Amino acid sequence: MPYAVACRALGVSQAWYYQWRHGDVSLRRKRRAAVDTAVAYEFARRNGRDGSPPITLRLKDSGWRISKNTVADSMRRQRLVARPKKRRHGPTKADKRARKPPDLLKRDFAPPPQINQRWVSDLTEIPTGEGVLYLASILDLHGRRVVGYALGSHHDADLAAAAVQVAIAIRGGDVAGVVLHTDQGGEFSGGNLTRVCAAAGIVQSMGRTGSALDNAACESYHSTLEFELLSRTRFATRAQARPAVIAWIEEYNTERFHSANGMITPVDYEHGQRRPGARTYDQLRRRHRHSTKSKSKSKTEAEAEAEAEAPPPNPPAAARWSPAPRIVRARPSGLKDRGR
């Protein structure tokens, strides 16, 4: 059977037949295969937790000349997709009898120029087979580094105070003037945490209860924990969960690129390292505001623009053009018809 007839019967092109018979030895195909291998390696090295931007930067650090779109196409071609994020249900319960400090951040989570100026904290749940394990974390907004954390089986003020004490010890003890921003949960307005903050000179700040945007930086950190660790791992006991959470926090501080730092790890950012050409936090915020404003254009403005660009409407039937009536002139008297 001729190959042309066979290709038509199978529904494939003749070029594909020659490629299958002789092999595709083009440089583009070799480059694509090498890119797929490198992307799959970087994806597996981080257990499938990185998207195309971090993988692109890691490949560039290794000497590759590659773009983010090329990496995204390679991941799409290999079906390398992480799990979608899940909605978190926080355990926050406000203490109505306790005095609430004012909100000193006002949703301004921009990185301060130095460390130990603004901290954010929150608690989250780690589900295990024998019950819930609670994690209290302290983040320094300068480089998004986790400077303190504590794990316990009780959701109370002692756990939050333990995390603050760890952060004070890691920062050397001199943290006077630091603003600690939390929500209005009872664990943060309790007496133990208040005494620890007052002894160290830490100023407390609280957002509203039930508003994730008032503590968005720490909520985003816990969402990353949920996405990268908890959605992929099932812990049988609390003892099994503890080392896994501690190892993830260490990796978060030393290996994971953070977009607010210009794609630099939190520890490297605190040591003064910067990536050339990376967008700063202010540039990312301006870009987000511009896109939000363009999407929230009012309906009246859109309708006005549509009316201005639309062609003029058809006039009514009575006003349309019609040919002029035919004028019949009378013959002068005394003339005869020539046709007769």
Foldseek 3Di string as FASTA:
>chain_A
DDPVVVCVVVVHDVVVVVCVVVNDPDPVVVVLVVLLVLLVVVCVVLPLLDALPLSVVVVVVVPDDDDSVSSNVSCVVVVSHADDFDDFDAPFDADPPFDADAAPCQLPLAADPAWLAEKEKDKDWQDAQVAIKIKIFIATSNQRATQFMAIDRDDALVRNLRRVVSSCVSVPNQRANHEYEYARGRSCRDDSNVVSCVVSNYHYHYDYPPDCSSRVSVVVVVSSCCRSPRVVDYHHDPVRVVVVVVVVSVCQQQPFFDLQQLGHHSVVVNVPDHDPPGDHNVRVVVVVVVVVVVVPDDPVVVVVVVVVPDDDDDDDPVPDDDDDDDDDDDDDPPDDDPVD
